[in-house]
Each structure stands twice: as C-alpha cells, then as structure tokens.
C-alpha cells in the first residue's frame, strides 16, 4: 500500500471512536509519548503497521480488546 503506516511516519488514529490521536511511529525502544512518538513495539502500533487510511485494527489492552482506525497517514 502506497500510503501505509510505517516507522518514521506521522499518523492520526481514532481510538475506539472516542478521540483522535496524532503520533509519530518510532523505532524499537525510541518512543517518547510525551513528545508524540510511539515505539513500533507498542501493541497499538503493531496493530496498525502496514494499514492504510480508513482501515481498522484491533489490539489487546490488558484483558480487553480495543479498536483503532487509521484516519490519516501524513509523512
């Protein structure tokens, strides 16, 4: 997919239809959530890697499942 989520790109996701969250995908152990970067090891990021705009993925948070929709893939 030409405009897919990958390391180094900034994306906007919709978490469970409740809020939009912009973030930049960082490499392994390089995440800094306070600065808007999330490691590619994070469950949310693992779920959306390779996805394109409009695609939905699910991932586990503790003992429950959550869904995330890729709203926009920027740069």
N, C-alpha and C. Protein backbone atom coordinates (compact mmCIF):
# COMPACT_ATOMS: atom_id res chain seq x y z
N UNK A 1 0.85 -1.18 0.00
CA UNK A 1 0.00 0.00 0.00
C UNK A 1 0.90 1.24 0.00
N UNK A 2 0.62 2.16 -0.89
CA UNK A 2 1.48 3.33 -1.10
C UNK A 2 1.55 4.23 0.12
N UNK A 3 0.45 4.48 0.78
CA UNK A 3 0.44 5.41 1.91
C UNK A 3 0.10 4.65 3.19
N UNK A 4 0.93 3.67 3.51
CA UNK A 4 0.68 2.82 4.67
C UNK A 4 1.43 3.32 5.89
N UNK A 5 0.98 2.90 7.06
CA UNK A 5 1.64 3.22 8.32
C UNK A 5 2.97 2.48 8.38
N UNK A 6 4.03 3.21 8.64
CA UNK A 6 5.35 2.60 8.79
C UNK A 6 6.20 3.46 9.71
N UNK A 7 7.32 2.90 10.14
CA UNK A 7 8.22 3.62 11.04
C UNK A 7 8.66 4.92 10.39
N UNK A 8 8.62 5.99 11.18
CA UNK A 8 9.03 7.31 10.72
C UNK A 8 7.88 8.18 10.25
N UNK A 9 6.73 7.59 9.98
CA UNK A 9 5.58 8.37 9.52
C UNK A 9 4.77 8.88 10.70
N UNK A 10 4.09 9.99 10.46
CA UNK A 10 3.16 10.55 11.43
C UNK A 10 1.76 10.14 11.00
N UNK A 11 0.98 9.66 11.95
CA UNK A 11 -0.37 9.20 11.63
C UNK A 11 -1.36 9.79 12.63
N UNK A 12 -2.62 9.84 12.21
CA UNK A 12 -3.71 10.22 13.11
C UNK A 12 -4.63 9.02 13.18
N UNK A 13 -4.90 8.58 14.41
CA UNK A 13 -5.78 7.43 14.60
C UNK A 13 -6.97 7.81 15.46
N UNK A 14 -8.04 7.06 15.30
CA UNK A 14 -9.26 7.22 16.09
C UNK A 14 -9.33 6.02 17.01
N UNK A 15 -9.23 6.26 18.31
CA UNK A 15 -9.25 5.18 19.30
C UNK A 15 -10.66 4.89 19.75
N UNK A 16 -11.16 3.73 19.39
CA UNK A 16 -12.49 3.28 19.81
C UNK A 16 -13.60 4.28 19.47
N UNK A 17 -13.39 5.12 18.48
CA UNK A 17 -14.40 6.11 18.10
C UNK A 17 -14.57 7.21 19.12
N UNK A 18 -13.59 7.36 20.02
CA UNK A 18 -13.72 8.32 21.12
C UNK A 18 -12.83 9.55 20.99
N UNK A 19 -11.64 9.38 20.40
CA UNK A 19 -10.75 10.53 20.30
C UNK A 19 -9.73 10.33 19.19
N UNK A 20 -9.33 11.44 18.59
CA UNK A 20 -8.29 11.41 17.58
C UNK A 20 -6.94 11.60 18.25
N UNK A 21 -5.98 10.80 17.83
CA UNK A 21 -4.66 10.84 18.44
C UNK A 21 -3.61 10.89 17.36
N UNK A 22 -2.88 12.01 17.24
CA UNK A 22 -1.77 12.06 16.29
C UNK A 22 -0.52 11.47 16.95
N UNK A 23 0.29 10.77 16.18
CA UNK A 23 1.53 10.22 16.73
C UNK A 23 2.51 9.92 15.60
N UNK A 24 3.78 9.94 15.95
CA UNK A 24 4.83 9.57 15.01
C UNK A 24 5.34 8.21 15.43
N UNK A 25 5.48 7.31 14.46
CA UNK A 25 5.91 5.95 14.74
C UNK A 25 7.44 5.94 14.83
N UNK A 26 7.95 5.51 15.97
CA UNK A 26 9.39 5.47 16.21
C UNK A 26 9.90 4.03 16.16
N UNK A 27 11.21 3.90 16.13
CA UNK A 27 11.83 2.58 16.13
C UNK A 27 11.71 1.91 17.49
N UNK A 28 12.30 0.72 17.59
CA UNK A 28 12.27 -0.06 18.82
C UNK A 28 12.86 0.74 19.97
N UNK A 29 12.15 0.79 21.07
CA UNK A 29 12.59 1.49 22.30
C UNK A 29 12.89 2.97 22.10
N UNK A 30 12.34 3.59 21.06
CA UNK A 30 12.58 5.01 20.82
C UNK A 30 11.36 5.87 21.10
N UNK A 31 10.30 5.28 21.60
CA UNK A 31 9.07 6.02 21.85
C UNK A 31 9.23 7.04 22.97
N UNK A 32 8.57 8.15 22.81
CA UNK A 32 8.52 9.20 23.83
C UNK A 32 7.11 9.78 23.79
N UNK A 33 6.15 9.10 24.42
CA UNK A 33 4.75 9.52 24.34
C UNK A 33 4.51 10.98 24.70
N UNK A 34 5.29 11.53 25.62
CA UNK A 34 5.12 12.94 25.99
C UNK A 34 5.42 13.86 24.81
N UNK A 35 6.18 13.37 23.84
CA UNK A 35 6.54 14.16 22.66
C UNK A 35 5.83 13.68 21.40
N UNK A 36 4.84 12.78 21.57
CA UNK A 36 4.04 12.35 20.44
C UNK A 36 4.63 11.23 19.61
N UNK A 37 5.69 10.57 20.11
CA UNK A 37 6.25 9.44 19.38
C UNK A 37 5.96 8.15 20.14
N UNK A 38 5.64 7.11 19.38
CA UNK A 38 5.28 5.82 19.98
C UNK A 38 6.14 4.75 19.33
N UNK A 39 6.72 3.88 20.13
CA UNK A 39 7.59 2.82 19.64
C UNK A 39 6.81 1.82 18.79
N UNK A 40 7.50 1.29 17.79
CA UNK A 40 6.87 0.28 16.93
C UNK A 40 6.59 -1.01 17.69
N UNK A 41 7.10 -1.12 18.91
CA UNK A 41 6.83 -2.29 19.76
C UNK A 41 5.51 -2.19 20.51
N UNK A 42 4.91 -1.01 20.54
CA UNK A 42 3.66 -0.82 21.27
C UNK A 42 2.54 -1.61 20.59
N UNK A 43 1.67 -2.25 21.37
CA UNK A 43 0.58 -3.04 20.78
C UNK A 43 -0.28 -2.27 19.78
N UNK A 44 -0.59 -1.02 20.08
CA UNK A 44 -1.39 -0.20 19.16
C UNK A 44 -0.67 -0.06 17.82
N UNK A 45 0.61 0.24 17.86
CA UNK A 45 1.38 0.43 16.63
C UNK A 45 1.53 -0.88 15.87
N UNK A 46 1.80 -1.96 16.58
CA UNK A 46 1.90 -3.26 15.91
C UNK A 46 0.62 -3.56 15.13
N UNK A 47 -0.52 -3.16 15.69
CA UNK A 47 -1.80 -3.43 15.04
C UNK A 47 -2.00 -2.62 13.76
N UNK A 48 -1.42 -1.41 13.68
CA UNK A 48 -1.68 -0.56 12.52
C UNK A 48 -0.55 -0.54 11.49
N UNK A 49 0.61 -1.11 11.82
CA UNK A 49 1.71 -1.12 10.84
C UNK A 49 1.24 -1.78 9.55
N UNK A 50 1.48 -1.13 8.45
CA UNK A 50 1.07 -1.65 7.15
C UNK A 50 -0.35 -1.31 6.74
N UNK A 51 -1.13 -0.76 7.64
CA UNK A 51 -2.52 -0.38 7.33
C UNK A 51 -2.55 0.97 6.62
N UNK A 52 -3.62 1.21 5.88
CA UNK A 52 -3.81 2.47 5.19
C UNK A 52 -4.96 3.26 5.79
N UNK A 53 -5.16 4.45 5.27
CA UNK A 53 -6.24 5.32 5.75
C UNK A 53 -7.59 4.61 5.62
N UNK A 54 -8.38 4.69 6.68
CA UNK A 54 -9.70 4.08 6.70
C UNK A 54 -9.73 2.66 7.23
N UNK A 55 -8.56 2.04 7.35
CA UNK A 55 -8.52 0.65 7.85
C UNK A 55 -8.60 0.63 9.37
N UNK A 56 -9.22 -0.44 9.89
CA UNK A 56 -9.42 -0.63 11.32
C UNK A 56 -8.63 -1.85 11.77
N UNK A 57 -8.05 -1.75 12.96
CA UNK A 57 -7.32 -2.87 13.55
C UNK A 57 -7.73 -3.02 15.01
N UNK A 58 -7.55 -4.20 15.55
CA UNK A 58 -7.81 -4.42 16.97
C UNK A 58 -6.52 -4.83 17.66
N UNK A 59 -6.45 -4.54 18.95
CA UNK A 59 -5.29 -4.91 19.74
C UNK A 59 -5.72 -5.10 21.19
N UNK A 60 -4.92 -5.81 21.94
CA UNK A 60 -5.24 -6.11 23.33
C UNK A 60 -4.65 -5.06 24.26
N UNK A 61 -5.47 -4.59 25.19
CA UNK A 61 -5.05 -3.68 26.25
C UNK A 61 -5.40 -4.37 27.55
N UNK A 62 -4.37 -4.84 28.26
CA UNK A 62 -4.58 -5.63 29.46
C UNK A 62 -5.47 -6.83 29.13
N UNK A 63 -6.66 -6.91 29.68
CA UNK A 63 -7.51 -8.08 29.45
C UNK A 63 -8.66 -7.79 28.47
N UNK A 64 -8.63 -6.64 27.82
CA UNK A 64 -9.72 -6.32 26.89
C UNK A 64 -9.17 -5.97 25.51
N UNK A 65 -10.05 -6.00 24.55
CA UNK A 65 -9.68 -5.65 23.18
C UNK A 65 -10.11 -4.21 22.89
N UNK A 66 -9.30 -3.52 22.11
CA UNK A 66 -9.61 -2.15 21.70
C UNK A 66 -9.50 -2.08 20.18
N UNK A 67 -10.16 -1.11 19.60
CA UNK A 67 -10.05 -0.94 18.15
C UNK A 67 -9.48 0.44 17.84
N UNK A 68 -8.82 0.51 16.72
CA UNK A 68 -8.20 1.76 16.28
C UNK A 68 -8.40 1.86 14.77
N UNK A 69 -8.76 3.05 14.31
CA UNK A 69 -8.94 3.30 12.88
C UNK A 69 -7.87 4.30 12.43
N UNK A 70 -7.20 3.99 11.34
CA UNK A 70 -6.22 4.92 10.77
C UNK A 70 -7.00 5.99 10.03
N UNK A 71 -6.95 7.21 10.51
CA UNK A 71 -7.68 8.31 9.90
C UNK A 71 -6.85 8.96 8.80
N UNK A 72 -5.58 9.21 9.09
CA UNK A 72 -4.71 9.87 8.11
C UNK A 72 -3.26 9.43 8.31
N UNK A 73 -2.58 9.19 7.20
CA UNK A 73 -1.15 8.90 7.22
C UNK A 73 -0.49 10.13 6.60
N UNK A 74 0.33 10.83 7.39
CA UNK A 74 0.92 12.08 6.91
C UNK A 74 2.26 11.83 6.23
N UNK A 75 3.35 12.09 6.89
CA UNK A 75 4.64 11.95 6.22
C UNK A 75 5.45 10.81 6.79
